[in-house]
Every structure is written in C-alpha cells, then in structure tokens.
Amino acid sequence: MAEQRKTKDPREAGPDEDKPKPLDSERDRSAEEVNADQPSVRGEKPKPAPKRY
C-alpha cells in the first residue's frame, strides 16, 4: 500500500533540482546594485538618511 502512494524516492532527486538557479551575474552583484535598477514605488529618489550622533 505504501508503495502505491509513493511516486518517487525523495533521495533520488537532488535538493536543488527543482529550483531555478539565478544567473551568476545576478548573484555576484551587491544588493545595492540590484536595487538601484528598480525605481522606487512612488517614482521619487529616496533622500539620504539623517545622520545620527
């Protein structure tokens, strides 16, 4: 009965086999560079944060 329910052995497929791999160029870029490509939601540039002393 258990053999009918089981479609395939989970150990056969690698853990990353079903996940799409991001491009190497995307992974090598820093978060700031990636976020700089996307305009802000309101369409305005963010102001620099106030300095804390």
PDB file of N, CA and C in Angstrom:
ATOM      1  N   MET A   1       0.819  -1.194   0.000  1.00  0.00           N
ATOM      2  CA  MET A   1       0.000   0.000   0.000  1.00  0.00           C
ATOM      3  C   MET A   1       0.868   1.265   0.000  1.00  0.00           C
ATOM      4  N   ALA A   2       1.918   1.284   0.784  1.00  0.00           N
ATOM      5  CA  ALA A   2       2.799   2.453   0.830  1.00  0.00           C
ATOM      6  C   ALA A   2       3.518   2.639  -0.498  1.00  0.00           C
ATOM      7  N   GLU A   3       3.756   1.530  -1.205  1.00  0.00           N
ATOM      8  CA  GLU A   3       4.470   1.644  -2.482  1.00  0.00           C
ATOM      9  C   GLU A   3       3.601   2.336  -3.533  1.00  0.00           C
ATOM     10  N   GLN A   4       2.279   2.202  -3.438  1.00  0.00           N
ATOM     11  CA  GLN A   4       1.407   2.835  -4.426  1.00  0.00           C
ATOM     12  C   GLN A   4       1.350   4.348  -4.215  1.00  0.00           C
ATOM     13  N   ARG A   5       1.357   4.780  -2.948  1.00  0.00           N
ATOM     14  CA  ARG A   5       1.277   6.208  -2.670  1.00  0.00           C
ATOM     15  C   ARG A   5       2.550   6.931  -3.084  1.00  0.00           C
ATOM     16  N   LYS A   6       3.670   6.248  -2.913  1.00  0.00           N
ATOM     17  CA  LYS A   6       4.962   6.888  -3.154  1.00  0.00           C
ATOM     18  C   LYS A   6       5.216   6.975  -4.654  1.00  0.00           C
ATOM     19  N   THR A   7       5.375   8.178  -5.178  1.00  0.00           N
ATOM     20  CA  THR A   7       5.607   8.327  -6.612  1.00  0.00           C
ATOM     21  C   THR A   7       7.077   8.122  -6.933  1.00  0.00           C
ATOM     22  N   LYS A   8       7.967   8.730  -6.156  1.00  0.00           N
ATOM     23  CA  LYS A   8       9.395   8.524  -6.381  1.00  0.00           C
ATOM     24  C   LYS A   8      10.147   8.749  -5.081  1.00  0.00           C
ATOM     25  N   ASP A   9      11.338   8.220  -5.019  1.00  0.00           N
ATOM     26  CA  ASP A   9      12.147   8.352  -3.816  1.00  0.00           C
ATOM     27  C   ASP A   9      12.651   9.786  -3.707  1.00  0.00           C
ATOM     28  N   PRO A  10      12.387  10.475  -2.605  1.00  0.00           N
ATOM     29  CA  PRO A  10      12.859  11.865  -2.497  1.00  0.00           C
ATOM     30  C   PRO A  10      14.384  11.965  -2.504  1.00  0.00           C
ATOM     31  N   ARG A  11      15.051  10.869  -2.170  1.00  0.00           N
ATOM     32  CA  ARG A  11      16.518  10.924  -2.150  1.00  0.00           C
ATOM     33  C   ARG A  11      17.105  10.872  -3.556  1.00  0.00           C
ATOM     34  N   GLU A  12      16.312  10.397  -4.538  1.00  0.00           N
ATOM     35  CA  GLU A  12      16.837  10.308  -5.904  1.00  0.00           C
ATOM     36  C   GLU A  12      17.069  11.700  -6.490  1.00  0.00           C
ATOM     37  N   ALA A  13      16.114  12.577  -6.302  1.00  0.00           N
ATOM     38  CA  ALA A  13      16.247  13.925  -6.853  1.00  0.00           C
ATOM     39  C   ALA A  13      17.064  14.778  -5.893  1.00  0.00           C
ATOM     40  N   GLY A  14      17.945  15.583  -6.450  1.00  0.00           N
ATOM     41  CA  GLY A  14      18.756  16.463  -5.618  1.00  0.00           C
ATOM     42  C   GLY A  14      17.892  17.548  -5.003  1.00  0.00           C
ATOM     43  N   PRO A  15      18.321  18.155  -3.917  1.00  0.00           N
ATOM     44  CA  PRO A  15      17.503  19.180  -3.258  1.00  0.00           C
ATOM     45  C   PRO A  15      17.334  20.434  -4.117  1.00  0.00           C
ATOM     46  N   ASP A  16      18.295  20.719  -4.998  1.00  0.00           N
ATOM     47  CA  ASP A  16      18.237  21.941  -5.801  1.00  0.00           C
ATOM     48  C   ASP A  16      17.768  21.671  -7.224  1.00  0.00           C
ATOM     49  N   GLU A  17      17.309  20.441  -7.486  1.00  0.00           N
ATOM     50  CA  GLU A  17      16.996  20.093  -8.871  1.00  0.00           C
ATOM     51  C   GLU A  17      15.767  20.842  -9.381  1.00  0.00           C
ATOM     52  N   ASP A  18      14.765  21.034  -8.510  1.00  0.00           N
ATOM     53  CA  ASP A  18      13.537  21.663  -8.979  1.00  0.00           C
ATOM     54  C   ASP A  18      13.565  23.180  -8.822  1.00  0.00           C
ATOM     55  N   LYS A  19      14.610  23.722  -8.195  1.00  0.00           N
ATOM     56  CA  LYS A  19      14.682  25.170  -8.012  1.00  0.00           C
ATOM     57  C   LYS A  19      15.427  25.795  -9.186  1.00  0.00           C
ATOM     58  N   PRO A  20      14.882  26.867  -9.762  1.00  0.00           N
ATOM     59  CA  PRO A  20      15.638  27.537 -10.831  1.00  0.00           C
ATOM     60  C   PRO A  20      16.841  28.266 -10.251  1.00  0.00           C
ATOM     61  N   LYS A  21      17.981  28.102 -10.883  1.00  0.00           N
ATOM     62  CA  LYS A  21      19.187  28.746 -10.368  1.00  0.00           C
ATOM     63  C   LYS A  21      19.266  30.172 -10.888  1.00  0.00           C
ATOM     64  N   PRO A  22      19.549  31.152 -10.024  1.00  0.00           N
ATOM     65  CA  PRO A  22      19.710  32.527 -10.503  1.00  0.00           C
ATOM     66  C   PRO A  22      20.965  32.654 -11.347  1.00  0.00           C
ATOM     67  N   LEU A  23      20.967  33.633 -12.224  1.00  0.00           N
ATOM     68  CA  LEU A  23      22.127  33.840 -13.075  1.00  0.00           C
ATOM     69  C   LEU A  23      23.330  34.242 -12.228  1.00  0.00           C
ATOM     70  N   ASP A  24      24.510  33.831 -12.667  1.00  0.00           N
ATOM     71  CA  ASP A  24      25.720  34.162 -11.917  1.00  0.00           C
ATOM     72  C   ASP A  24      25.913  35.669 -11.849  1.00  0.00           C
ATOM     73  N   SER A  25      25.552  36.366 -12.917  1.00  0.00           N
ATOM     74  CA  SER A  25      25.748  37.811 -12.910  1.00  0.00           C
ATOM     75  C   SER A  25      24.857  38.458 -11.846  1.00  0.00           C
ATOM     76  N   GLU A  26      23.663  37.904 -11.633  1.00  0.00           N
ATOM     77  CA  GLU A  26      22.780  38.452 -10.607  1.00  0.00           C
ATOM     78  C   GLU A  26      23.332  38.178  -9.215  1.00  0.00           C
ATOM     79  N   ARG A  27      23.888  36.978  -9.021  1.00  0.00           N
ATOM     80  CA  ARG A  27      24.355  36.615  -7.690  1.00  0.00           C
ATOM     81  C   ARG A  27      25.597  37.403  -7.295  1.00  0.00           C
ATOM     82  N   ASP A  28      26.422  37.762  -8.275  1.00  0.00           N
ATOM     83  CA  ASP A  28      27.671  38.440  -7.950  1.00  0.00           C
ATOM     84  C   ASP A  28      27.457  39.907  -7.602  1.00  0.00           C
ATOM     85  N   ARG A  29      26.319  40.469  -8.007  1.00  0.00           N
ATOM     86  CA  ARG A  29      26.084  41.883  -7.738  1.00  0.00           C
ATOM     87  C   ARG A  29      25.637  42.081  -6.304  1.00  0.00           C
ATOM     88  N   SER A  30      25.994  43.232  -5.745  1.00  0.00           N
ATOM     89  CA  SER A  30      25.587  43.521  -4.379  1.00  0.00           C
ATOM     90  C   SER A  30      24.114  43.925  -4.366  1.00  0.00           C
ATOM     91  N   ALA A  31      23.520  43.920  -3.191  1.00  0.00           N
ATOM     92  CA  ALA A  31      22.105  44.253  -3.070  1.00  0.00           C
ATOM     93  C   ALA A  31      21.852  45.693  -3.504  1.00  0.00           C
ATOM     94  N   GLU A  32      22.800  46.586  -3.233  1.00  0.00           N
ATOM     95  CA  GLU A  32      22.612  47.981  -3.619  1.00  0.00           C
ATOM     96  C   GLU A  32      22.539  48.110  -5.138  1.00  0.00           C
ATOM     97  N   GLU A  33      23.395  47.366  -5.832  1.00  0.00           N
ATOM     98  CA  GLU A  33      23.386  47.457  -7.291  1.00  0.00           C
ATOM     99  C   GLU A  33      22.091  46.898  -7.861  1.00  0.00           C
ATOM    100  N   VAL A  34      21.620  45.802  -7.294  1.00  0.00           N
ATOM    101  CA  VAL A  34      20.395  45.187  -7.805  1.00  0.00           C
ATOM    102  C   VAL A  34      19.207  46.112  -7.553  1.00  0.00           C
ATOM    103  N   ASN A  35      19.148  46.709  -6.365  1.00  0.00           N
ATOM    104  CA  ASN A  35      18.027  47.582  -6.039  1.00  0.00           C
ATOM    105  C   ASN A  35      18.086  48.887  -6.817  1.00  0.00           C
ATOM    106  N   ALA A  36      19.281  49.298  -7.235  1.00  0.00           N
ATOM    107  CA  ALA A  36      19.405  50.549  -7.985  1.00  0.00           C
ATOM    108  C   ALA A  36      18.739  50.423  -9.348  1.00  0.00           C
ATOM    109  N   ASP A  37      18.631  49.199  -9.873  1.00  0.00           N
ATOM    110  CA  ASP A  37      17.997  49.002 -11.175  1.00  0.00           C
ATOM    111  C   ASP A  37      16.493  49.253 -11.109  1.00  0.00           C
ATOM    112  N   GLN A  38      15.889  49.048  -9.934  1.00  0.00           N
ATOM    113  CA  GLN A  38      14.439  49.153  -9.817  1.00  0.00           C
ATOM    114  C   GLN A  38      14.069  50.539  -9.297  1.00  0.00           C
ATOM    115  N   PRO A  39      13.215  51.268  -9.999  1.00  0.00           N
ATOM    116  CA  PRO A  39      12.784  52.577  -9.492  1.00  0.00           C
ATOM    117  C   PRO A  39      11.931  52.401  -8.245  1.00  0.00           C
ATOM    118  N   SER A  40      11.914  53.421  -7.409  1.00  0.00           N
ATOM    119  CA  SER A  40      11.127  53.326  -6.193  1.00  0.00           C
ATOM    120  C   SER A  40       9.646  53.298  -6.542  1.00  0.00           C
ATOM    121  N   VAL A  41       8.823  52.879  -5.607  1.00  0.00           N
ATOM    122  CA  VAL A  41       7.404  52.670  -5.869  1.00  0.00           C
ATOM    123  C   VAL A  41       6.729  53.992  -6.236  1.00  0.00           C
ATOM    124  N   ARG A  42       7.081  55.067  -5.534  1.00  0.00           N
ATOM    125  CA  ARG A  42       6.428  56.353  -5.768  1.00  0.00           C
ATOM    126  C   ARG A  42       7.082  57.135  -6.902  1.00  0.00           C
ATOM    127  N   GLY A  43       8.161  56.612  -7.463  1.00  0.00           N
ATOM    128  CA  GLY A  43       8.799  57.279  -8.575  1.00  0.00           C
ATOM    129  C   GLY A  43       9.700  58.429  -8.176  1.00  0.00           C
ATOM    130  N   GLU A  44      10.049  58.521  -6.912  1.00  0.00           N
ATOM    131  CA  GLU A  44      10.930  59.598  -6.479  1.00  0.00           C
ATOM    132  C   GLU A  44      12.180  58.995  -5.855  1.00  0.00           C
ATOM    133  N   LYS A  45      13.263  59.724  -5.914  1.00  0.00           N
ATOM    134  CA  LYS A  45      14.507  59.205  -5.361  1.00  0.00           C
ATOM    135  C   LYS A  45      14.463  59.294  -3.840  1.00  0.00           C
ATOM    136  N   PRO A  46      14.957  58.277  -3.158  1.00  0.00           N
ATOM    137  CA  PRO A  46      14.967  58.339  -1.691  1.00  0.00           C
ATOM    138  C   PRO A  46      15.975  59.364  -1.205  1.00  0.00           C
ATOM    139  N   LYS A  47      15.617  60.069  -0.141  1.00  0.00           N
ATOM    140  CA  LYS A  47      16.528  61.051   0.437  1.00  0.00           C
ATOM    141  C   LYS A  47      17.530  60.328   1.320  1.00  0.00           C
ATOM    142  N   PRO A  48      18.735  60.877   1.457  1.00  0.00           N
ATOM    143  CA  PRO A  48      19.696  60.249   2.365  1.00  0.00           C
ATOM    144  C   PRO A  48      19.186  60.300   3.798  1.00  0.00           C
ATOM    145  N   ALA A  49      19.489  59.266   4.545  1.00  0.00           N
ATOM    146  CA  ALA A  49      19.017  59.193   5.922  1.00  0.00           C
ATOM    147  C   ALA A  49      19.690  60.279   6.757  1.00  0.00           C
ATOM    148  N   PRO A  50      18.980  60.839   7.736  1.00  0.00           N
ATOM    149  CA  PRO A  50      19.607  61.846   8.604  1.00  0.00           C
ATOM    150  C   PRO A  50      20.726  61.221   9.424  1.00  0.00           C
ATOM    151  N   LYS A  51      21.742  62.014   9.663  1.00  0.00           N
ATOM    152  CA  LYS A  51      22.892  61.494  10.408  1.00  0.00           C
ATOM    153  C   LYS A  51      22.546  61.365  11.883  1.00  0.00           C
ATOM    154  N   ARG A  52      22.963  60.270  12.471  1.00  0.00           N
ATOM    155  CA  ARG A  52      22.763  60.077  13.912  1.00  0.00           C
ATOM    156  C   ARG A  52      24.062  60.376  14.625  1.00  0.00           C
ATOM    157  N   TYR A  53      23.956  61.069  15.728  1.00  0.00           N
ATOM    158  CA  TYR A  53      25.171  61.371  16.502  1.00  0.00           C
ATOM    159  C   TYR A  53      25.147  60.660  17.822  1.00  0.00           C
TER     160      TYR A  53
END
